[in-house]
Amino acid sequence: MPVIRLETTVNAPVNRVFYLSLSVELHVHSTRSTHERVISGITSGLLTLNDSVTWEAKHLGVTQQLTSKIMACNPPFSFTDEMTKGIFHHLNHRHDFSFENGCTVMTDYFDYASPLGPLGWLADQLYIRRYLENFLIIRNQTIKEFAETNRWMDLPGMREVGRV
């Protein structure tokens, strides 16, 4: 089963980066190339433990829906979201945050299995893994951009957190 591990260094406080990663609006903004939108669940603000959201987006030319739930949350050090309904056989995304040398290090562990057994494995080798990794890199660059500027202040829930 593939696991994508990414590290992104952000010149911003760990609390800010952690909560930006839980922002529904920032997620939608970072996925505008796939026209991602919320179709049910938490539609605005910051996600927290046990929150579920169903996203709809166009990936690889096909409109898909994926429901994920925040299964674990340890502010501001980690949270895990897990697919509860969607095309993947399974999908578990752990987000870890640490503060090192004056910067936040955001580490993603994206553990997934494509559907369709051997055909899914072949699709991973040819395209899916690279596609998902690029998707996560774009998302992380958006988090970094917002965290390192004042743009984070315009997102619902961020000022209310009071720890950023």
N, C-alpha and C. Protein backbone atom coordinates (compact mmCIF):
# COMPACT_ATOMS: atom_id res chain seq x y z
N MET A 1 0.84 -1.19 0.00
CA MET A 1 0.00 0.00 0.00
C MET A 1 0.88 1.24 0.00
N PRO A 2 0.61 2.18 -0.89
CA PRO A 2 1.44 3.38 -0.98
C PRO A 2 1.24 4.32 0.22
N VAL A 3 2.33 4.93 0.63
CA VAL A 3 2.28 6.01 1.62
C VAL A 3 3.10 7.16 1.05
N ILE A 4 2.46 8.30 0.94
CA ILE A 4 3.15 9.50 0.48
C ILE A 4 3.56 10.27 1.73
N ARG A 5 4.83 10.61 1.85
CA ARG A 5 5.32 11.41 2.97
C ARG A 5 5.88 12.70 2.41
N LEU A 6 5.35 13.81 2.90
CA LEU A 6 5.82 15.13 2.47
C LEU A 6 6.17 15.97 3.68
N GLU A 7 7.22 16.76 3.56
CA GLU A 7 7.58 17.73 4.59
C GLU A 7 7.56 19.11 3.97
N THR A 8 6.90 20.03 4.65
CA THR A 8 6.83 21.42 4.20
C THR A 8 7.24 22.31 5.35
N THR A 9 8.21 23.19 5.12
CA THR A 9 8.65 24.13 6.16
C THR A 9 7.94 25.45 5.94
N VAL A 10 7.35 25.97 7.03
CA VAL A 10 6.55 27.19 6.96
C VAL A 10 7.10 28.18 7.98
N ASN A 11 7.37 29.39 7.54
CA ASN A 11 7.87 30.43 8.43
C ASN A 11 6.70 31.12 9.12
N ALA A 12 6.10 30.38 10.07
CA ALA A 12 4.94 30.87 10.82
C ALA A 12 4.78 30.01 12.06
N PRO A 13 4.05 30.52 13.06
CA PRO A 13 3.85 29.74 14.29
C PRO A 13 3.10 28.44 14.04
N VAL A 14 3.43 27.42 14.81
CA VAL A 14 2.84 26.10 14.64
C VAL A 14 1.31 26.13 14.80
N ASN A 15 0.80 26.93 15.74
CA ASN A 15 -0.66 27.00 15.93
C ASN A 15 -1.36 27.49 14.66
N ARG A 16 -0.79 28.51 14.05
CA ARG A 16 -1.40 29.06 12.84
C ARG A 16 -1.45 28.01 11.72
N VAL A 17 -0.34 27.33 11.51
CA VAL A 17 -0.26 26.33 10.44
C VAL A 17 -1.23 25.17 10.74
N PHE A 18 -1.27 24.73 11.99
CA PHE A 18 -2.17 23.65 12.38
C PHE A 18 -3.62 24.00 12.05
N TYR A 19 -4.07 25.17 12.51
CA TYR A 19 -5.48 25.53 12.30
C TYR A 19 -5.80 25.85 10.84
N LEU A 20 -4.83 26.41 10.11
CA LEU A 20 -5.06 26.62 8.68
C LEU A 20 -5.29 25.28 7.97
N SER A 21 -4.62 24.25 8.42
CA SER A 21 -4.77 22.92 7.82
C SER A 21 -6.16 22.34 8.05
N LEU A 22 -6.88 22.88 9.03
CA LEU A 22 -8.24 22.42 9.35
C LEU A 22 -9.32 23.36 8.79
N SER A 23 -8.93 24.35 8.03
CA SER A 23 -9.88 25.34 7.49
C SER A 23 -10.58 24.81 6.24
N VAL A 24 -11.89 24.78 6.30
CA VAL A 24 -12.68 24.34 5.13
C VAL A 24 -12.45 25.30 3.97
N GLU A 25 -12.49 26.59 4.24
CA GLU A 25 -12.33 27.58 3.17
C GLU A 25 -10.95 27.50 2.51
N LEU A 26 -9.91 27.28 3.32
CA LEU A 26 -8.57 27.17 2.73
C LEU A 26 -8.46 25.90 1.89
N HIS A 27 -9.08 24.82 2.35
CA HIS A 27 -9.08 23.59 1.56
C HIS A 27 -9.73 23.83 0.19
N VAL A 28 -10.89 24.47 0.20
CA VAL A 28 -11.58 24.77 -1.06
C VAL A 28 -10.71 25.65 -1.94
N HIS A 29 -10.10 26.67 -1.36
CA HIS A 29 -9.22 27.57 -2.12
C HIS A 29 -8.04 26.79 -2.74
N SER A 30 -7.45 25.89 -1.95
CA SER A 30 -6.26 25.18 -2.42
C SER A 30 -6.58 24.13 -3.49
N THR A 31 -7.86 23.79 -3.63
CA THR A 31 -8.25 22.75 -4.59
C THR A 31 -9.10 23.32 -5.72
N ARG A 32 -8.96 24.59 -5.99
CA ARG A 32 -9.81 25.20 -7.02
C ARG A 32 -9.57 24.61 -8.41
N SER A 33 -8.39 24.03 -8.65
CA SER A 33 -8.13 23.43 -9.96
C SER A 33 -8.99 22.19 -10.18
N THR A 34 -9.48 21.58 -9.11
CA THR A 34 -10.35 20.40 -9.24
C THR A 34 -11.80 20.76 -8.94
N HIS A 35 -12.07 22.07 -8.77
CA HIS A 35 -13.43 22.57 -8.50
C HIS A 35 -14.04 21.91 -7.27
N GLU A 36 -13.21 21.68 -6.26
CA GLU A 36 -13.69 21.01 -5.04
C GLU A 36 -14.66 21.91 -4.29
N ARG A 37 -15.70 21.27 -3.76
CA ARG A 37 -16.69 22.00 -2.97
C ARG A 37 -17.26 21.06 -1.93
N VAL A 38 -17.81 21.65 -0.87
CA VAL A 38 -18.45 20.87 0.19
C VAL A 38 -19.89 20.62 -0.23
N ILE A 39 -20.33 19.36 -0.13
CA ILE A 39 -21.74 19.08 -0.45
C ILE A 39 -22.53 18.62 0.78
N SER A 40 -21.83 18.26 1.87
CA SER A 40 -22.53 17.99 3.13
C SER A 40 -21.52 17.97 4.27
N GLY A 41 -22.04 18.08 5.48
CA GLY A 41 -21.19 18.11 6.67
C GLY A 41 -20.82 19.52 7.04
N ILE A 42 -19.65 19.69 7.62
CA ILE A 42 -19.17 21.01 8.04
C ILE A 42 -18.84 21.81 6.79
N THR A 43 -19.49 22.95 6.61
CA THR A 43 -19.34 23.71 5.37
C THR A 43 -18.47 24.96 5.50
N SER A 44 -18.11 25.33 6.75
CA SER A 44 -17.36 26.56 6.94
C SER A 44 -16.59 26.48 8.25
N GLY A 45 -15.50 27.24 8.31
CA GLY A 45 -14.73 27.33 9.55
C GLY A 45 -13.70 26.24 9.69
N LEU A 46 -13.41 25.90 10.95
CA LEU A 46 -12.35 24.96 11.26
C LEU A 46 -12.92 23.61 11.67
N LEU A 47 -12.39 22.56 11.08
CA LEU A 47 -12.81 21.21 11.44
C LEU A 47 -12.19 20.84 12.79
N THR A 48 -12.87 19.95 13.50
CA THR A 48 -12.35 19.46 14.78
C THR A 48 -12.70 17.98 14.92
N LEU A 49 -12.30 17.39 16.02
CA LEU A 49 -12.48 15.97 16.26
C LEU A 49 -13.92 15.53 15.98
N ASN A 50 -14.06 14.45 15.24
CA ASN A 50 -15.33 13.81 14.86
C ASN A 50 -16.13 14.56 13.80
N ASP A 51 -15.63 15.68 13.31
CA ASP A 51 -16.33 16.37 12.22
C ASP A 51 -16.18 15.56 10.93
N SER A 52 -17.26 15.56 10.15
CA SER A 52 -17.25 14.91 8.84
C SER A 52 -17.59 15.94 7.77
N VAL A 53 -17.03 15.73 6.60
CA VAL A 53 -17.33 16.59 5.47
C VAL A 53 -17.29 15.74 4.20
N THR A 54 -18.25 16.01 3.32
CA THR A 54 -18.24 15.34 2.02
C THR A 54 -17.86 16.36 0.97
N TRP A 55 -16.79 16.04 0.24
CA TRP A 55 -16.26 16.89 -0.81
C TRP A 55 -16.68 16.32 -2.15
N GLU A 56 -16.91 17.21 -3.11
CA GLU A 56 -17.12 16.80 -4.48
C GLU A 56 -16.10 17.54 -5.32
N ALA A 57 -15.43 16.81 -6.21
CA ALA A 57 -14.39 17.41 -7.04
C ALA A 57 -14.24 16.60 -8.32
N LYS A 58 -13.59 17.21 -9.27
CA LYS A 58 -13.32 16.53 -10.54
C LYS A 58 -11.85 16.13 -10.55
N HIS A 59 -11.61 14.82 -10.45
CA HIS A 59 -10.26 14.28 -10.49
C HIS A 59 -10.14 13.35 -11.68
N LEU A 60 -9.08 13.53 -12.45
CA LEU A 60 -8.81 12.69 -13.61
C LEU A 60 -10.00 12.63 -14.55
N GLY A 61 -10.70 13.78 -14.67
CA GLY A 61 -11.80 13.91 -15.60
C GLY A 61 -13.13 13.34 -15.11
N VAL A 62 -13.16 12.85 -13.87
CA VAL A 62 -14.37 12.24 -13.33
C VAL A 62 -14.79 12.98 -12.06
N THR A 63 -16.06 13.37 -11.99
CA THR A 63 -16.59 13.98 -10.77
C THR A 63 -16.75 12.89 -9.72
N GLN A 64 -16.15 13.12 -8.55
CA GLN A 64 -16.16 12.14 -7.48
C GLN A 64 -16.57 12.79 -6.17
N GLN A 65 -17.05 11.96 -5.25
CA GLN A 65 -17.36 12.41 -3.90
C GLN A 65 -16.53 11.60 -2.92
N LEU A 66 -16.08 12.27 -1.87
CA LEU A 66 -15.30 11.63 -0.83
C LEU A 66 -15.73 12.21 0.51
N THR A 67 -16.09 11.35 1.43
CA THR A 67 -16.44 11.78 2.79
C THR A 67 -15.28 11.44 3.70
N SER A 68 -14.84 12.43 4.47
CA SER A 68 -13.76 12.19 5.42
C SER A 68 -14.19 12.66 6.80
N LYS A 69 -13.56 12.07 7.81
CA LYS A 69 -13.88 12.39 9.20
C LYS A 69 -12.57 12.62 9.95
N ILE A 70 -12.58 13.60 10.84
CA ILE A 70 -11.42 13.85 11.70
C ILE A 70 -11.47 12.79 12.81
N MET A 71 -10.55 11.83 12.73
CA MET A 71 -10.56 10.69 13.65
C MET A 71 -9.71 10.92 14.90
N ALA A 72 -8.71 11.77 14.79
CA ALA A 72 -7.85 12.08 15.92
C ALA A 72 -7.43 13.54 15.79
N CYS A 73 -7.31 14.21 16.94
CA CYS A 73 -6.92 15.62 16.91
C CYS A 73 -6.19 15.96 18.21
N ASN A 74 -4.94 16.37 18.08
CA ASN A 74 -4.10 16.73 19.21
C ASN A 74 -3.46 18.10 18.94
N PRO A 75 -4.27 19.19 19.12
CA PRO A 75 -3.77 20.53 18.80
C PRO A 75 -2.54 20.90 19.62
N PRO A 76 -1.59 21.57 19.04
CA PRO A 76 -1.38 21.87 17.63
C PRO A 76 -0.37 20.93 16.97
N PHE A 77 -0.32 19.69 17.46
CA PHE A 77 0.74 18.78 17.03
C PHE A 77 0.34 17.79 15.94
N SER A 78 -0.93 17.39 15.88
CA SER A 78 -1.31 16.42 14.87
C SER A 78 -2.82 16.30 14.76
N PHE A 79 -3.26 15.85 13.60
CA PHE A 79 -4.63 15.38 13.43
C PHE A 79 -4.63 14.38 12.28
N THR A 80 -5.65 13.54 12.29
CA THR A 80 -5.78 12.51 11.26
C THR A 80 -7.18 12.55 10.70
N ASP A 81 -7.26 12.61 9.37
CA ASP A 81 -8.56 12.46 8.72
C ASP A 81 -8.55 11.16 7.95
N GLU A 82 -9.72 10.54 7.90
CA GLU A 82 -9.85 9.24 7.26
C GLU A 82 -11.08 9.23 6.37
N MET A 83 -10.93 8.64 5.19
CA MET A 83 -12.06 8.51 4.28
C MET A 83 -13.04 7.51 4.89
N THR A 84 -14.31 7.91 4.95
CA THR A 84 -15.36 7.00 5.40
C THR A 84 -16.23 6.54 4.24
N LYS A 85 -16.15 7.28 3.13
CA LYS A 85 -16.88 6.90 1.93
C LYS A 85 -16.18 7.53 0.73
N GLY A 86 -15.94 6.73 -0.30
CA GLY A 86 -15.28 7.27 -1.49
C GLY A 86 -14.72 6.16 -2.35
N ILE A 87 -14.01 6.55 -3.38
CA ILE A 87 -13.54 5.62 -4.39
C ILE A 87 -12.37 4.75 -3.93
N PHE A 88 -11.55 5.24 -3.00
CA PHE A 88 -10.38 4.49 -2.57
C PHE A 88 -10.78 3.29 -1.72
N HIS A 89 -9.93 2.28 -1.76
CA HIS A 89 -10.14 1.12 -0.89
C HIS A 89 -10.00 1.59 0.56
N HIS A 90 -8.99 2.41 0.83
CA HIS A 90 -8.87 3.13 2.11
C HIS A 90 -8.01 4.36 1.88
N LEU A 91 -8.18 5.34 2.78
CA LEU A 91 -7.39 6.57 2.72
C LEU A 91 -7.31 7.12 4.14
N ASN A 92 -6.09 7.30 4.62
CA ASN A 92 -5.82 7.81 5.95
C ASN A 92 -4.74 8.87 5.80
N HIS A 93 -5.01 10.07 6.30
CA HIS A 93 -4.08 11.18 6.13
C HIS A 93 -3.74 11.76 7.50
N ARG A 94 -2.52 11.49 7.96
CA ARG A 94 -2.05 12.04 9.24
C ARG A 94 -1.23 13.28 8.97
N HIS A 95 -1.52 14.33 9.72
CA HIS A 95 -0.83 15.61 9.61
C HIS A 95 -0.07 15.84 10.92
N ASP A 96 1.23 15.97 10.87
CA ASP A 96 2.04 16.25 12.06
C ASP A 96 2.66 17.63 11.93
N PHE A 97 2.80 18.31 13.08
CA PHE A 97 3.34 19.67 13.11
C PHE A 97 4.37 19.76 14.23
N SER A 98 5.52 20.35 13.92
CA SER A 98 6.53 20.59 14.94
C SER A 98 7.15 21.96 14.68
N PHE A 99 7.73 22.53 15.71
CA PHE A 99 8.38 23.83 15.59
C PHE A 99 9.87 23.60 15.74
N GLU A 100 10.61 23.90 14.66
CA GLU A 100 12.05 23.65 14.63
C GLU A 100 12.77 24.85 14.03
N ASN A 101 13.78 25.34 14.71
CA ASN A 101 14.61 26.44 14.22
C ASN A 101 13.79 27.65 13.79
N GLY A 102 12.75 27.97 14.56
CA GLY A 102 11.94 29.15 14.28
C GLY A 102 10.90 28.97 13.20
N CYS A 103 10.73 27.76 12.70
CA CYS A 103 9.74 27.49 11.64
C CYS A 103 8.89 26.29 12.03
N THR A 104 7.74 26.20 11.40
CA THR A 104 6.89 25.03 11.57
C THR A 104 7.21 24.02 10.47
N VAL A 105 7.39 22.79 10.87
CA VAL A 105 7.56 21.71 9.91
C VAL A 105 6.26 20.92 9.90
N MET A 106 5.63 20.92 8.74
CA MET A 106 4.37 20.23 8.54
C MET A 106 4.70 18.94 7.77
N THR A 107 4.35 17.79 8.37
CA THR A 107 4.64 16.50 7.74
C THR A 107 3.33 15.77 7.47
N ASP A 108 3.15 15.37 6.24
CA ASP A 108 1.98 14.60 5.82
C ASP A 108 2.37 13.14 5.65
N TYR A 109 1.51 12.26 6.15
CA TYR A 109 1.60 10.83 5.88
C TYR A 109 0.27 10.45 5.25
N PHE A 110 0.27 10.24 3.96
CA PHE A 110 -0.94 9.99 3.18
C PHE A 110 -0.93 8.52 2.77
N ASP A 111 -1.67 7.71 3.51
CA ASP A 111 -1.70 6.26 3.33
C ASP A 111 -3.00 5.91 2.61
N TYR A 112 -2.88 5.29 1.45
CA TYR A 112 -4.07 5.01 0.66
C TYR A 112 -3.90 3.71 -0.13
N ALA A 113 -5.02 3.19 -0.57
CA ALA A 113 -5.01 2.05 -1.48
C ALA A 113 -6.07 2.32 -2.55
N SER A 114 -5.64 2.27 -3.78
CA SER A 114 -6.56 2.47 -4.90
C SER A 114 -7.49 1.27 -5.02
N PRO A 115 -8.67 1.49 -5.61
CA PRO A 115 -9.59 0.37 -5.83
C PRO A 115 -9.10 -0.52 -6.98
N LEU A 116 -9.76 -1.59 -7.20
CA LEU A 116 -9.57 -2.47 -8.36
C LEU A 116 -8.33 -3.35 -8.30
N GLY A 117 -7.84 -3.65 -7.09
CA GLY A 117 -6.76 -4.62 -6.92
C GLY A 117 -5.56 -4.37 -7.81
N PRO A 118 -5.18 -5.36 -8.64
CA PRO A 118 -3.99 -5.22 -9.49
C PRO A 118 -4.07 -4.06 -10.48
N LEU A 119 -5.27 -3.76 -10.97
CA LEU A 119 -5.42 -2.61 -11.87
C LEU A 119 -5.15 -1.30 -11.12
N GLY A 120 -5.62 -1.23 -9.88
CA GLY A 120 -5.35 -0.06 -9.05
C GLY A 120 -3.87 0.10 -8.77
N TRP A 121 -3.19 -1.04 -8.50
CA TRP A 121 -1.75 -1.00 -8.27
C TRP A 121 -1.03 -0.46 -9.50
N LEU A 122 -1.42 -0.93 -10.67
CA LEU A 122 -0.80 -0.47 -11.91
C LEU A 122 -1.06 1.03 -12.12
N ALA A 123 -2.29 1.46 -11.86
CA ALA A 123 -2.63 2.89 -11.99
C ALA A 123 -1.78 3.72 -11.03
N ASP A 124 -1.53 3.21 -9.81
CA ASP A 124 -0.65 3.91 -8.86
C ASP A 124 0.74 4.10 -9.44
N GLN A 125 1.27 3.03 -10.01
CA GLN A 125 2.62 3.08 -10.57
C GLN A 125 2.72 4.05 -11.74
N LEU A 126 1.68 4.09 -12.55
CA LEU A 126 1.71 4.90 -13.76
C LEU A 126 1.36 6.37 -13.52
N TYR A 127 0.43 6.63 -12.56
CA TYR A 127 -0.09 7.99 -12.50
C TYR A 127 -0.63 8.44 -11.15
N ILE A 128 -1.42 7.63 -10.48
CA ILE A 128 -2.18 8.07 -9.30
C ILE A 128 -1.28 8.63 -8.20
N ARG A 129 -0.21 7.92 -7.86
CA ARG A 129 0.67 8.38 -6.79
C ARG A 129 1.23 9.77 -7.09
N ARG A 130 1.71 9.96 -8.29
CA ARG A 130 2.27 11.27 -8.68
C ARG A 130 1.18 12.35 -8.66
N TYR A 131 -0.01 11.99 -9.13
CA TYR A 131 -1.14 12.92 -9.13
C TYR A 131 -1.48 13.35 -7.69
N LEU A 132 -1.58 12.39 -6.78
CA LEU A 132 -1.91 12.70 -5.38
C LEU A 132 -0.81 13.50 -4.71
N GLU A 133 0.43 13.16 -4.98
CA GLU A 133 1.55 13.89 -4.39
C GLU A 133 1.52 15.36 -4.85
N ASN A 134 1.29 15.60 -6.13
CA ASN A 134 1.20 16.98 -6.63
C ASN A 134 0.01 17.71 -6.02
N PHE A 135 -1.10 17.02 -5.84
CA PHE A 135 -2.29 17.59 -5.20
C PHE A 135 -1.94 18.06 -3.78
N LEU A 136 -1.22 17.23 -3.02
CA LEU A 136 -0.83 17.58 -1.65
C LEU A 136 0.20 18.72 -1.63
N ILE A 137 1.12 18.72 -2.57
CA ILE A 137 2.12 19.79 -2.64
C ILE A 137 1.44 21.13 -2.87
N ILE A 138 0.49 21.18 -3.78
CA ILE A 138 -0.24 22.43 -4.05
C ILE A 138 -0.99 22.87 -2.80
N ARG A 139 -1.65 21.93 -2.13
CA ARG A 139 -2.37 22.26 -0.90
C ARG A 139 -1.41 22.83 0.15
N ASN A 140 -0.27 22.18 0.34
CA ASN A 140 0.69 22.64 1.33
C ASN A 140 1.28 24.00 0.98
N GLN A 141 1.51 24.26 -0.30
CA GLN A 141 2.01 25.56 -0.71
C GLN A 141 0.99 26.66 -0.42
N THR A 142 -0.29 26.32 -0.56
CA THR A 142 -1.35 27.29 -0.24
C THR A 142 -1.38 27.57 1.25
N ILE A 143 -1.27 26.54 2.08
CA ILE A 143 -1.21 26.73 3.53
C ILE A 143 -0.02 27.62 3.87
N LYS A 144 1.13 27.33 3.28
CA LYS A 144 2.35 28.11 3.52
C LYS A 144 2.15 29.58 3.13
N GLU A 145 1.57 29.80 1.96
CA GLU A 145 1.33 31.16 1.48
C GLU A 145 0.42 31.94 2.45
N PHE A 146 -0.65 31.34 2.90
CA PHE A 146 -1.57 32.02 3.82
C PHE A 146 -0.91 32.24 5.18
N ALA A 147 -0.18 31.24 5.68
CA ALA A 147 0.44 31.33 7.01
C ALA A 147 1.53 32.38 7.07
N GLU A 148 2.26 32.54 5.97
CA GLU A 148 3.40 33.47 5.97
C GLU A 148 3.01 34.89 5.61
N THR A 149 1.75 35.13 5.32
CA THR A 149 1.24 36.47 5.04
C THR A 149 0.06 36.72 5.96
N ASN A 150 -0.58 37.85 5.80
CA ASN A 150 -1.77 38.16 6.62
C ASN A 150 -3.05 37.56 6.05
N ARG A 151 -2.97 36.81 4.99
CA ARG A 151 -4.18 36.25 4.37
C ARG A 151 -4.94 35.32 5.31
N TRP A 152 -4.25 34.68 6.26
CA TRP A 152 -4.89 33.77 7.20
C TRP A 152 -5.98 34.47 8.02
N MET A 153 -5.82 35.78 8.25
CA MET A 153 -6.77 36.50 9.10
C MET A 153 -8.15 36.64 8.46
N ASP A 154 -8.25 36.47 7.17
CA ASP A 154 -9.53 36.61 6.47
C ASP A 154 -10.36 35.33 6.46
N LEU A 155 -9.82 34.23 6.96
CA LEU A 155 -10.54 32.96 6.93
C LEU A 155 -11.42 32.79 8.17
N PRO A 156 -12.66 32.33 7.99
CA PRO A 156 -13.56 32.12 9.13
C PRO A 156 -12.94 31.20 10.17
N GLY A 157 -13.06 31.61 11.43
CA GLY A 157 -12.60 30.80 12.54
C GLY A 157 -11.17 31.05 12.96
N MET A 158 -10.35 31.64 12.11
CA MET A 158 -8.93 31.79 12.44
C MET A 158 -8.70 32.82 13.55
N ARG A 159 -9.38 33.94 13.49
CA ARG A 159 -9.18 34.95 14.55
C ARG A 159 -9.74 34.46 15.89
N GLU A 160 -10.84 33.68 15.80
CA GLU A 160 -11.48 33.20 17.01
C GLU A 160 -10.64 32.18 17.76
N VAL A 161 -9.75 31.51 17.05
CA VAL A 161 -8.91 30.50 17.69
C VAL A 161 -8.10 31.15 18.81
N GLY A 162 -7.64 32.36 18.57
CA GLY A 162 -6.95 33.13 19.60
C GLY A 162 -5.57 32.62 19.94
N ARG A 163 -5.08 31.62 19.25
CA ARG A 163 -3.77 31.05 19.56
C ARG A 163 -2.81 31.24 18.39
N VAL A 164 -3.20 32.01 17.42
CA VAL A 164 -2.35 32.15 16.25
C VAL A 164 -1.67 33.49 16.27
